[in-house]
Amino acid sequence: MKDHTSVRVRFAPSPTGPLHMGGVRTALYNYLFAKKAGGHFILLIEDTDQKRFVAGAENYIMESLKWCGITWDEGPDKGGPAGPYRQSERKDIYSQYVRQLVDKGHAYYAFDTPGDLDDMRKRLEKEKKGNPQYDSQTRMEMKNSLTMPAAEVKQMLNDGVPYAVRLKTPENEEVVVDDLIRGKVRVHSNLLDDKVLFKSDGMPTYHLANVVDDHLMNITHVIRGEEWLPSAPLHVLLYRYLGWEQRMPAFAHLPLLLKPDGHGKLSKRDGDRLGFPVFPVAWKDPSSGETASGYREAGYFPEAFVNMLALLGWNPGTEQELFSMTELVKGFSIDRVSKAGARFDPEKAKWFNHQYLQNKSIEEIAAQFSILLKEKGYHPPEDKLLTITSLVRERASFISELWDQASYFFEPPEGYDEKFARKKWKNTTPAILLQLSEKLATTEPFLRDAIDDALQSFMDDTNTGAGALMPALRLALVGAGRGPDVKAIMEVLGKEEVTRRIKAATEKIVV
């Protein structure tokens, strides 16, 4: 890797479960930022936490990003000049930097057992001495290479005694993080704990791994979620201690995605509980067998999902709300990303999908609708399918809703809306409709204009008002007071079916 000038960003998800929509937004912002600058977007699998590793999660992450149209230039499946792209395959790389930190006095070996750590926390809680953590105030009371003789430390290492390597945070120092969204963030070092950099299982923690990887992969900008902001001072210290401060990437910490009520972070557990997906693609937990819903399976178009996500935290500065991926790349900028959390509105998500459904060609919508119809046993001719699709799509937000809007074109009503019938069906209605049926029997061709002429002629000849005829006719044909223009419905159904439905309604509707 030699080029230190072009923009390079990375998305580093952990394969510990499904990818939350907040993670997708992080990936999206990285992708948009890189593509606008003509740079590279890298996928790095952060699998250092082997205890929480979930089989199938890595493939799920890739499938989700691909469904969203977020493609990477380098990654585990593609390779690239900065690989490997799984942190578990980079273990040997991290070891040398851990030794460097220890040798220079910026890190130390800690031999404390889980019981030792628990005792320390309980003691500090009892003494009420601030945060019960392993830090510059407590490390000299613990079992580590700072408090033990060098010979004893060496012996314990030779004997294979489990240990962790912790960062030795400085005392009484202000650590400054320059953030592209939040400006200068200042944190006093005495508030920081001595984070574990290397675990006893031989794996680095995220803190060390991400700094080393970002440096070796020439990452120029680290765009990640707000939850990593408290760790940013530690990462700044690591860049300094490793001698990489001059090539430290720019940081940008994105705002949280909030629950629909605006109170608290939108979590993985909120989705099905609140009645909407929080994952891009459905996820089946390999241990419990439980399935969490996904936007893809709920019928969302990937473009609508991405468009919705892009505007959760980023403001284009205009009234425009609908953006193609190309337009998002062109318009995106970090300086228009908000500091404040972005409230997720599930109804707005549906609105986006509705807009995309309306903007697609009739042919594309009909092709998807036909799949649903075939599952129900219906195979309409293409011209009829296109006509029905064009008549009902305005009332649908999802392909699945087209059936709800169009079912009466394929199946006669099994029942009739009682509330609507009480308002529109009178004692004289059956006779009027049967008389109309006789008129329609002679209507040729049975097309919309001729049907319209026949209805007008019938109303004129019988002195019947439209209010007395048309709603009742709609009820007979549809079973409810909904649907597109009645004449259009009649044309699609055909003369025989219209006559049949009118007769059935006059026999079944009683008010």
Protein backbone atom coordinates (compact mmCIF):
# COMPACT_ATOMS: atom_id res chain seq x y z
CA MET A 1 0.00 0.00 0.00
CA LYS A 2 1.68 3.20 -1.16
CA ASP A 3 -1.06 5.68 -1.98
CA HIS A 4 -1.67 7.90 1.05
CA THR A 5 -3.71 10.52 -0.79
CA SER A 6 -6.91 8.93 -2.12
CA VAL A 7 -9.91 8.57 0.17
CA ARG A 8 -10.17 5.15 1.75
CA VAL A 9 -12.90 4.25 4.23
CA ARG A 10 -13.94 0.99 5.81
CA PHE A 11 -16.97 -0.62 7.34
CA ALA A 12 -16.01 -3.13 10.03
CA PRO A 13 -19.05 -5.06 11.30
CA SER A 14 -18.84 -7.84 13.88
CA PRO A 15 -20.31 -11.24 12.87
CA THR A 16 -22.06 -11.58 16.22
CA GLY A 17 -25.59 -11.51 14.81
CA PRO A 18 -27.72 -9.70 12.21
CA LEU A 19 -26.81 -6.29 10.82
CA HIS A 20 -28.97 -3.59 12.40
CA MET A 21 -30.30 -0.83 10.13
CA GLY A 22 -28.06 1.59 12.04
CA GLY A 23 -25.09 -0.44 10.87
CA VAL A 24 -26.40 -0.33 7.31
CA ARG A 25 -26.62 3.46 7.55
CA THR A 26 -22.99 3.58 8.75
CA ALA A 27 -21.96 1.45 5.77
CA LEU A 28 -24.04 3.64 3.45
CA TYR A 29 -22.48 6.90 4.64
CA ASN A 30 -19.00 5.41 4.25
CA TYR A 31 -19.88 4.23 0.76
CA LEU A 32 -21.37 7.58 -0.30
CA PHE A 33 -18.41 9.50 1.11
CA ALA A 34 -15.88 7.29 -0.68
CA LYS A 35 -17.68 7.22 -4.02
CA LYS A 36 -18.19 10.97 -4.10
CA ALA A 37 -14.43 11.40 -3.63
CA GLY A 38 -13.57 8.72 -6.18
CA GLY A 39 -12.09 6.66 -3.35
CA HIS A 40 -12.35 3.12 -2.03
CA PHE A 41 -14.87 1.47 0.29
CA ILE A 42 -13.47 -1.50 2.19
CA LEU A 43 -15.33 -4.25 4.04
CA LEU A 44 -13.40 -5.55 7.05
CA ILE A 45 -14.89 -8.29 9.22
CA GLU A 46 -14.20 -7.48 12.87
CA ASP A 47 -14.27 -11.00 14.32
CA THR A 48 -11.89 -10.61 17.25
CA ASP A 49 -14.59 -11.56 19.76
CA GLN A 50 -14.59 -15.30 19.17
CA LYS A 51 -16.88 -15.98 22.13
CA ARG A 52 -19.71 -14.00 20.52
CA PHE A 53 -19.11 -15.24 16.98
CA VAL A 54 -22.34 -16.43 15.32
CA ALA A 55 -22.24 -18.89 12.43
CA GLY A 56 -23.73 -17.43 9.26
CA ALA A 57 -23.53 -13.82 10.42
CA GLU A 58 -20.71 -12.87 8.05
CA ASN A 59 -22.61 -14.15 5.02
CA TYR A 60 -25.72 -12.39 6.30
CA ILE A 61 -23.83 -9.07 6.51
CA MET A 62 -22.60 -9.40 2.93
CA GLU A 63 -26.03 -10.43 1.64
CA SER A 64 -27.63 -7.45 3.38
CA LEU A 65 -25.18 -4.92 1.96
CA LYS A 66 -25.50 -6.37 -1.54
CA TRP A 67 -29.29 -6.20 -1.34
CA CYS A 68 -28.95 -2.50 -0.50
CA GLY A 69 -26.65 -1.91 -3.46
CA ILE A 70 -23.70 -1.10 -1.19
CA THR A 71 -20.75 -2.77 -2.86
CA TRP A 72 -17.18 -2.84 -1.61
CA ASP A 73 -13.93 -2.47 -3.52
CA GLU A 74 -11.91 -4.69 -1.18
CA GLY A 75 -13.10 -7.32 1.26
CA PRO A 76 -13.01 -10.95 2.41
CA ASP A 77 -14.62 -12.26 -0.77
CA LYS A 78 -12.77 -9.97 -3.17
CA GLY A 79 -9.33 -9.67 -1.65
CA GLY A 80 -7.22 -6.59 -2.29
CA PRO A 81 -3.80 -5.10 -1.64
CA ALA A 82 -4.40 -4.58 2.10
CA GLY A 83 -5.70 -8.04 3.04
CA PRO A 84 -6.52 -10.26 4.77
CA TYR A 85 -9.91 -8.67 5.44
CA ARG A 86 -10.90 -10.73 8.48
CA GLN A 87 -9.25 -9.66 11.70
CA SER A 88 -9.03 -13.27 12.87
CA GLU A 89 -6.68 -13.86 9.93
CA ARG A 90 -4.47 -10.93 10.95
CA LYS A 91 -3.50 -12.17 14.45
CA ASP A 92 0.23 -12.27 13.74
CA ILE A 93 0.12 -8.67 12.51
CA TYR A 94 -1.26 -7.37 15.80
CA SER A 95 1.21 -9.23 18.00
CA GLN A 96 4.19 -7.15 16.90
CA TYR A 97 2.43 -3.90 17.74
CA VAL A 98 1.41 -5.18 21.16
CA ARG A 99 5.05 -5.97 21.91
CA GLN A 100 6.06 -2.53 20.65
CA LEU A 101 3.62 -0.83 23.02
CA VAL A 102 4.78 -2.92 25.98
CA ASP A 103 8.48 -2.38 25.18
CA LYS A 104 7.97 1.39 25.03
CA GLY A 105 6.08 1.46 28.33
CA HIS A 106 2.70 2.38 26.80
CA ALA A 107 1.09 -0.94 27.69
CA TYR A 108 1.54 -3.66 30.31
CA TYR A 109 0.74 -7.29 31.10
CA ALA A 110 -2.20 -7.80 33.46
CA PHE A 111 -2.58 -11.18 35.19
CA ASP A 112 -5.72 -10.36 37.13
CA THR A 113 -8.32 -13.12 37.27
CA PRO A 114 -12.03 -12.46 36.78
CA GLY A 115 -12.33 -12.78 40.56
CA ASP A 116 -9.64 -10.13 41.09
CA LEU A 117 -11.46 -7.73 38.79
CA ASP A 118 -14.78 -8.38 40.53
CA ASP A 119 -13.22 -7.76 43.96
CA MET A 120 -11.72 -4.49 42.72
CA ARG A 121 -15.05 -3.22 41.42
CA LYS A 122 -16.89 -4.17 44.61
CA ARG A 123 -14.25 -2.45 46.74
CA LEU A 124 -14.42 0.75 44.71
CA GLU A 125 -18.22 0.76 44.78
CA LYS A 126 -18.12 0.34 48.54
CA GLU A 127 -15.57 3.13 48.93
CA LYS A 128 -17.49 5.31 46.45
CA LYS A 129 -14.28 6.40 44.69
CA GLY A 130 -15.68 7.34 41.31
CA ASN A 131 -15.94 4.87 38.43
CA PRO A 132 -15.18 1.28 39.48
CA GLN A 133 -12.72 0.67 36.66
CA TYR A 134 -9.17 -0.46 35.93
CA ASP A 135 -7.39 2.84 35.32
CA SER A 136 -4.49 5.08 36.26
CA GLN A 137 -5.86 5.34 39.81
CA THR A 138 -6.28 1.62 40.44
CA ARG A 139 -3.72 -0.20 38.30
CA MET A 140 -0.97 0.04 40.92
CA GLU A 141 -3.16 -2.00 43.26
CA MET A 142 -3.65 -4.82 40.76
CA LYS A 143 -1.67 -7.84 39.60
CA ASN A 144 0.26 -6.62 36.57
CA SER A 145 3.73 -6.00 35.20
CA LEU A 146 3.71 -2.50 36.70
CA THR A 147 3.41 -3.84 40.24
CA MET A 148 5.29 -7.14 39.97
CA PRO A 149 9.06 -7.81 39.75
CA ALA A 150 10.29 -8.26 36.19
CA ALA A 151 11.56 -11.77 36.94
CA GLU A 152 8.13 -12.85 38.21
CA VAL A 153 6.44 -11.41 35.13
CA LYS A 154 8.85 -13.25 32.86
CA GLN A 155 8.27 -16.51 34.73
CA MET A 156 4.49 -16.17 34.50
CA LEU A 157 4.73 -15.50 30.77
CA ASN A 158 6.99 -18.54 30.32
CA ASP A 159 4.58 -20.68 32.33
CA GLY A 160 1.70 -19.71 30.10
CA VAL A 161 -0.29 -17.97 32.82
CA PRO A 162 -3.29 -16.25 31.19
CA TYR A 163 -2.86 -12.51 30.78
CA ALA A 164 -4.24 -9.48 29.02
CA VAL A 165 -2.33 -6.53 27.68
CA ARG A 166 -3.74 -3.17 28.82
CA LEU A 167 -3.03 0.33 27.58
CA LYS A 168 -1.27 2.51 30.13
CA THR A 169 -3.36 5.65 29.90
CA PRO A 170 -1.55 8.87 30.85
CA GLU A 171 -2.44 10.75 34.01
CA ASN A 172 -3.70 14.33 34.17
CA GLU A 173 -3.78 14.97 30.44
CA GLU A 174 -6.42 16.34 28.10
CA VAL A 175 -6.94 14.15 25.05
CA VAL A 176 -8.44 15.93 22.03
CA VAL A 177 -10.40 14.21 19.28
CA ASP A 178 -11.03 16.25 16.14
CA ASP A 179 -14.41 15.13 14.84
CA LEU A 180 -15.78 16.20 11.45
CA ILE A 181 -19.33 16.30 12.83
CA ARG A 182 -18.85 17.38 16.45
CA GLY A 183 -15.75 19.56 16.27
CA LYS A 184 -13.14 19.20 19.00
CA VAL A 185 -14.06 16.67 21.68
CA ARG A 186 -11.93 17.02 24.82
CA VAL A 187 -11.64 14.25 27.39
CA HIS A 188 -9.55 14.21 30.56
CA SER A 189 -7.33 11.13 30.66
CA ASN A 190 -8.17 10.43 34.31
CA LEU A 191 -11.67 9.52 33.16
CA LEU A 192 -10.35 6.83 30.81
CA ASP A 193 -9.79 3.23 31.83
CA ASP A 194 -6.82 1.10 30.86
CA LYS A 195 -8.54 -0.70 28.03
CA VAL A 196 -7.58 -4.28 27.19
CA LEU A 197 -5.70 -4.31 23.88
CA PHE A 198 -4.86 -8.01 23.70
CA LYS A 199 -6.81 -10.85 25.28
CA SER A 200 -5.65 -14.07 26.86
CA ASP A 201 -7.01 -16.04 23.88
CA GLY A 202 -4.37 -14.44 21.67
CA MET A 203 -6.82 -12.13 19.92
CA PRO A 204 -6.66 -8.34 19.93
CA THR A 205 -9.62 -6.28 21.02
CA TYR A 206 -11.36 -3.95 18.62
CA HIS A 207 -9.42 -1.00 20.00
CA LEU A 208 -6.01 -2.25 18.96
CA ALA A 209 -7.11 -4.09 15.84
CA ASN A 210 -9.00 -1.19 14.30
CA VAL A 211 -6.12 1.24 14.83
CA VAL A 212 -3.54 -1.13 13.38
CA ASP A 213 -5.79 -2.11 10.47
CA ASP A 214 -6.75 1.47 9.66
CA HIS A 215 -3.09 2.44 9.57
CA LEU A 216 -1.93 -0.50 7.47
CA MET A 217 -4.90 -0.18 5.12
CA ASN A 218 -4.29 3.56 4.68
CA ILE A 219 -7.76 4.45 5.91
CA THR A 220 -8.17 8.21 5.57
CA HIS A 221 -11.55 8.66 7.29
CA VAL A 222 -13.16 6.66 10.07
CA ILE A 223 -16.93 7.16 9.83
CA ARG A 224 -18.70 5.18 12.54
CA GLY A 225 -21.53 5.28 15.06
CA GLU A 226 -21.75 7.61 18.02
CA GLU A 227 -21.35 4.67 20.40
CA TRP A 228 -17.64 4.63 19.51
CA LEU A 229 -17.08 8.27 20.48
CA PRO A 230 -16.10 7.40 24.10
CA SER A 231 -13.39 5.11 22.70
CA ALA A 232 -11.99 7.71 20.31
CA PRO A 233 -9.58 9.27 22.89
CA LEU A 234 -8.07 5.82 23.43
CA HIS A 235 -7.58 5.43 19.69
CA VAL A 236 -5.94 8.86 19.48
CA LEU A 237 -3.51 7.73 22.20
CA LEU A 238 -2.75 4.53 20.33
CA TYR A 239 -1.91 6.45 17.15
CA ARG A 240 0.43 8.60 19.19
CA TYR A 241 2.09 5.71 21.03
CA LEU A 242 2.59 3.72 17.83
CA GLY A 243 4.20 6.72 16.14
CA TRP A 244 1.43 7.19 13.60
CA GLU A 245 -0.03 10.48 14.77
CA GLN A 246 0.86 12.28 11.55
CA ARG A 247 -1.19 9.79 9.53
CA MET A 248 -4.13 9.47 11.87
CA PRO A 249 -7.42 9.31 9.91
CA ALA A 250 -10.12 11.93 10.29
CA PHE A 251 -12.95 10.87 12.60
CA ALA A 252 -16.69 11.34 12.12
CA HIS A 253 -19.10 9.90 14.67
CA LEU A 254 -22.63 9.54 13.34
CA PRO A 255 -25.76 10.35 15.37
CA LEU A 256 -27.83 7.58 16.90
CA LEU A 257 -30.97 6.17 15.32
CA LEU A 258 -33.74 6.76 17.84
CA LYS A 259 -36.96 4.87 18.53
CA PRO A 260 -40.13 6.25 16.90
CA ASP A 261 -41.03 8.13 20.10
CA GLY A 262 -37.58 9.74 20.10
CA HIS A 263 -36.66 8.24 23.47
CA GLY A 264 -33.61 6.02 23.37
CA LYS A 265 -31.58 4.23 20.75
CA LEU A 266 -33.40 2.01 18.27
CA SER A 267 -32.19 -1.44 19.28
CA LYS A 268 -32.22 -4.88 17.70
CA ARG A 269 -34.98 -5.87 20.11
CA ASP A 270 -37.32 -3.02 19.16
CA GLY A 271 -38.31 -4.16 15.69
CA ASP A 272 -40.78 -7.01 15.90
CA ARG A 273 -41.83 -5.80 19.35
CA LEU A 274 -42.94 -2.46 17.90
CA GLY A 275 -44.25 -3.90 14.63
CA PHE A 276 -41.58 -3.01 12.06
CA PRO A 277 -38.26 -4.49 10.87
CA VAL A 278 -34.91 -3.23 12.14
CA PHE A 279 -32.86 -5.55 9.93
CA PRO A 280 -32.39 -5.17 6.16
CA VAL A 281 -32.91 -8.89 5.55
CA ALA A 282 -34.74 -11.45 7.71
CA TRP A 283 -32.49 -13.22 10.21
CA LYS A 284 -32.92 -16.70 11.62
CA ASP A 285 -31.06 -17.17 14.87
CA PRO A 286 -29.06 -20.42 14.55
CA SER A 287 -29.25 -21.13 18.28
CA SER A 288 -32.89 -20.33 19.05
CA GLY A 289 -34.38 -20.87 15.61
CA GLU A 290 -36.31 -17.61 15.98
CA THR A 291 -36.69 -15.41 12.90
CA ALA A 292 -36.56 -11.62 12.98
CA SER A 293 -38.25 -9.79 10.12
CA GLY A 294 -36.36 -7.90 7.45
CA TYR A 295 -37.18 -5.02 5.11
CA ARG A 296 -36.64 -7.21 2.05
CA GLU A 297 -39.14 -9.82 3.21
CA ALA A 298 -41.59 -7.11 4.30
CA GLY A 299 -41.78 -6.01 0.67
CA TYR A 300 -39.59 -2.92 0.69
CA PHE A 301 -37.63 -2.00 -2.40
CA PRO A 302 -33.90 -1.76 -1.59
CA GLU A 303 -33.77 1.71 -3.19
CA ALA A 304 -36.58 2.93 -0.91
CA PHE A 305 -34.90 1.47 2.17
CA VAL A 306 -31.57 3.10 1.29
CA ASN A 307 -33.24 6.44 0.47
CA MET A 308 -35.03 6.40 3.83
CA LEU A 309 -31.85 5.52 5.72
CA ALA A 310 -29.79 8.23 4.00
CA LEU A 311 -32.09 10.94 5.34
CA LEU A 312 -31.91 9.65 8.93
CA GLY A 313 -29.13 11.94 10.04
CA TRP A 314 -28.17 13.66 6.79
CA ASN A 315 -29.91 16.76 5.43
CA PRO A 316 -29.38 17.51 1.72
CA GLY A 317 -30.15 21.19 2.29
CA THR A 318 -33.05 21.14 -0.17
CA GLU A 319 -36.69 20.02 -0.19
CA GLN A 320 -35.81 16.96 -2.25
CA GLU A 321 -36.66 13.65 -0.55
CA LEU A 322 -36.33 11.05 -3.29
CA PHE A 323 -32.77 10.22 -4.28
CA SER A 324 -31.28 7.53 -6.47
CA MET A 325 -27.98 6.06 -5.29
CA THR A 326 -26.23 8.16 -7.92
CA GLU A 327 -27.89 11.31 -6.59
CA LEU A 328 -26.99 10.38 -3.02
CA VAL A 329 -23.34 9.96 -3.99
CA LYS A 330 -23.37 13.34 -5.72
CA GLY A 331 -25.12 15.19 -2.88
CA PHE A 332 -23.67 13.56 0.23
CA SER A 333 -21.37 15.51 2.53
CA ILE A 334 -20.28 14.91 6.11
CA ASP A 335 -20.80 18.55 7.04
CA ARG A 336 -24.55 18.11 6.55
CA VAL A 337 -24.73 15.17 8.95
CA SER A 338 -26.46 16.12 12.18
CA LYS A 339 -25.07 15.78 15.70
CA ALA A 340 -28.51 15.06 17.13
CA GLY A 341 -30.08 11.63 17.07
CA ALA A 342 -32.40 10.84 14.16
CA ARG A 343 -35.90 9.58 15.06
CA PHE A 344 -37.01 6.63 12.96
CA ASP A 345 -40.57 6.90 11.65
CA PRO A 346 -41.96 3.56 10.35
CA GLU A 347 -44.80 5.38 8.58
CA LYS A 348 -42.29 7.51 6.69
CA ALA A 349 -40.49 4.32 5.68
CA LYS A 350 -43.76 3.08 4.14
CA TRP A 351 -44.18 6.45 2.43
CA PHE A 352 -40.81 6.03 0.74
CA ASN A 353 -41.77 2.59 -0.51
CA HIS A 354 -45.07 3.96 -1.82
CA GLN A 355 -43.22 6.63 -3.78
CA TYR A 356 -40.88 4.10 -5.34
CA LEU A 357 -43.78 1.81 -6.21
CA GLN A 358 -45.54 4.66 -7.98
CA ASN A 359 -42.41 5.67 -9.86
CA LYS A 360 -41.64 2.23 -11.26
CA SER A 361 -42.92 1.24 -14.71
CA ILE A 362 -46.22 -0.60 -14.94
CA GLU A 363 -44.38 -3.46 -16.63
CA GLU A 364 -41.96 -3.88 -13.71
CA ILE A 365 -44.70 -3.75 -11.10
CA ALA A 366 -46.92 -6.14 -13.07
CA ALA A 367 -44.05 -8.61 -13.41
CA GLN A 368 -43.65 -8.71 -9.63
CA PHE A 369 -47.41 -8.82 -9.09
CA SER A 370 -47.69 -11.77 -11.44
CA ILE A 371 -45.44 -13.82 -9.14
CA LEU A 372 -47.88 -13.27 -6.30
CA LEU A 373 -50.85 -14.08 -8.55
CA LYS A 374 -49.28 -17.33 -9.73
CA GLU A 375 -48.87 -18.39 -6.11
CA LYS A 376 -52.63 -17.95 -5.77
CA GLY A 377 -53.33 -19.89 -8.94
CA TYR A 378 -54.11 -17.01 -11.31
CA HIS A 379 -52.44 -16.50 -14.69
CA PRO A 380 -54.09 -13.48 -16.37
CA PRO A 381 -53.11 -12.47 -19.92
CA GLU A 382 -50.41 -9.82 -20.00
CA ASP A 383 -52.70 -7.05 -21.28
CA LYS A 384 -55.23 -7.72 -18.53
CA LEU A 385 -52.48 -7.88 -15.89
CA LEU A 386 -51.07 -4.53 -17.02
CA THR A 387 -54.53 -2.93 -16.97
CA ILE A 388 -55.34 -4.18 -13.46
CA THR A 389 -51.92 -3.13 -12.17
CA SER A 390 -52.32 0.38 -13.56
CA LEU A 391 -55.79 0.68 -11.98
CA VAL A 392 -54.80 -0.28 -8.43
CA ARG A 393 -51.17 0.64 -7.87
CA GLU A 394 -51.88 4.18 -6.62
CA ARG A 395 -53.53 2.71 -3.53
CA ALA A 396 -50.65 0.35 -2.70
CA SER A 397 -47.34 0.88 -0.93
CA PHE A 398 -46.12 -2.70 -1.37
CA ILE A 399 -46.42 -5.33 -4.09
CA SER A 400 -48.22 -7.54 -1.58
CA GLU A 401 -50.91 -4.87 -1.16
CA LEU A 402 -51.77 -5.07 -4.85
CA TRP A 403 -53.68 -8.28 -4.13
CA ASP A 404 -55.69 -6.56 -1.40
CA GLN A 405 -56.55 -3.82 -3.88
CA ALA A 406 -57.20 -6.09 -6.85
CA SER A 407 -58.55 -9.38 -5.49
CA TYR A 408 -62.09 -8.67 -6.77
CA PHE A 409 -60.81 -8.73 -10.34
CA PHE A 410 -60.10 -12.44 -9.84
CA GLU A 411 -62.62 -13.53 -7.21
CA PRO A 412 -66.25 -12.40 -6.81
CA PRO A 413 -67.19 -10.93 -3.43
CA GLU A 414 -67.79 -13.49 -0.70
CA GLY A 415 -69.47 -10.84 1.41
CA TYR A 416 -70.52 -7.22 1.26
CA ASP A 417 -69.51 -4.26 3.43
CA GLU A 418 -72.47 -3.95 5.77
CA LYS A 419 -71.82 -0.36 6.79
CA PHE A 420 -71.53 0.77 3.17
CA ALA A 421 -74.61 -1.29 2.22
CA ARG A 422 -76.75 0.33 4.90
CA LYS A 423 -75.92 3.72 3.42
CA LYS A 424 -76.15 2.95 -0.30
CA TRP A 425 -78.43 -0.08 -0.73
CA LYS A 426 -82.15 0.75 -0.72
CA ASN A 427 -85.25 -1.39 -1.13
CA THR A 428 -85.47 -0.27 -4.74
CA THR A 429 -81.80 -1.00 -5.52
CA PRO A 430 -82.19 -4.67 -6.62
CA ALA A 431 -84.82 -3.81 -9.22
CA ILE A 432 -82.72 -0.92 -10.54
CA LEU A 433 -79.61 -3.08 -10.87
CA LEU A 434 -81.44 -5.94 -12.55
CA GLN A 435 -82.94 -3.47 -15.04
CA LEU A 436 -79.44 -2.08 -15.62
CA SER A 437 -78.15 -5.60 -16.20
CA GLU A 438 -80.61 -5.99 -19.09
CA LYS A 439 -79.31 -2.74 -20.58
CA LEU A 440 -75.69 -3.87 -20.25
CA ALA A 441 -76.49 -7.18 -21.97
CA THR A 442 -76.94 -5.29 -25.24
CA THR A 443 -73.91 -3.03 -24.82
CA GLU A 444 -71.31 -3.61 -27.54
CA PRO A 445 -68.36 -3.41 -27.45
CA PHE A 446 -68.12 -3.83 -23.67
CA LEU A 447 -65.45 -1.18 -23.29
CA ARG A 448 -65.23 1.83 -21.01
CA ASP A 449 -66.67 4.46 -23.39
CA ALA A 450 -69.58 2.25 -24.44
CA ILE A 451 -70.22 1.30 -20.81
CA ASP A 452 -70.22 4.97 -19.84
CA ASP A 453 -72.76 5.73 -22.60
CA ALA A 454 -74.94 2.84 -21.47
CA LEU A 455 -74.90 4.00 -17.82
CA GLN A 456 -75.75 7.58 -18.78
CA SER A 457 -78.54 6.45 -21.10
CA PHE A 458 -79.94 4.17 -18.39
CA MET A 459 -79.95 6.93 -15.78
CA ASP A 460 -81.62 9.34 -18.22
CA ASP A 461 -84.26 6.82 -19.32
CA THR A 462 -85.15 5.69 -15.77
CA ASN A 463 -84.67 9.04 -14.09
CA THR A 464 -82.15 7.41 -11.73
CA GLY A 465 -79.51 9.59 -10.13
CA ALA A 466 -75.84 8.62 -10.09
CA GLY A 467 -75.93 8.59 -6.28
CA ALA A 468 -78.61 5.92 -6.31
CA LEU A 469 -76.92 3.77 -8.92
CA MET A 470 -73.14 3.98 -8.92
CA PRO A 471 -72.31 3.19 -5.25
CA ALA A 472 -74.70 0.23 -5.29
CA LEU A 473 -73.20 -1.00 -8.55
CA ARG A 474 -69.71 -0.73 -7.04
CA LEU A 475 -70.86 -2.70 -3.99
CA ALA A 476 -72.24 -5.45 -6.22
CA LEU A 477 -69.03 -5.74 -8.22
CA VAL A 478 -66.39 -5.20 -5.52
CA GLY A 479 -68.16 -6.04 -2.28
CA ALA A 480 -67.17 -2.68 -0.77
CA GLY A 481 -67.13 1.02 -1.51
CA ARG A 482 -63.56 1.07 -2.81
CA GLY A 483 -61.62 0.61 -6.01
CA PRO A 484 -60.93 2.59 -9.18
CA ASP A 485 -63.49 3.91 -11.64
CA VAL A 486 -66.48 1.53 -11.83
CA LYS A 487 -66.51 1.60 -15.63
CA ALA A 488 -62.87 0.49 -15.70
CA ILE A 489 -63.70 -2.37 -13.31
CA MET A 490 -66.60 -3.42 -15.52
CA GLU A 491 -64.48 -3.44 -18.66
CA VAL A 492 -61.88 -5.72 -17.04
CA LEU A 493 -64.49 -8.07 -15.55
CA GLY A 494 -66.38 -8.44 -18.80
CA LYS A 495 -70.10 -8.42 -19.54
CA GLU A 496 -70.90 -11.94 -18.31
CA GLU A 497 -69.10 -11.54 -14.99
CA VAL A 498 -70.67 -8.11 -14.37
CA THR A 499 -74.12 -9.55 -15.01
CA ARG A 500 -73.38 -12.52 -12.76
CA ARG A 501 -72.20 -10.31 -9.87
CA ILE A 502 -75.18 -7.97 -10.14
CA LYS A 503 -77.56 -10.94 -9.92
CA ALA A 504 -75.69 -12.41 -6.94
CA ALA A 505 -75.75 -9.12 -5.08
CA THR A 506 -79.46 -8.62 -5.54
CA GLU A 507 -80.03 -12.05 -4.02
CA LYS A 508 -77.59 -11.78 -1.12
CA ILE A 509 -77.67 -8.17 0.10
CA VAL A 510 -80.38 -7.54 2.64
CA VAL A 511 -80.59 -4.30 4.60
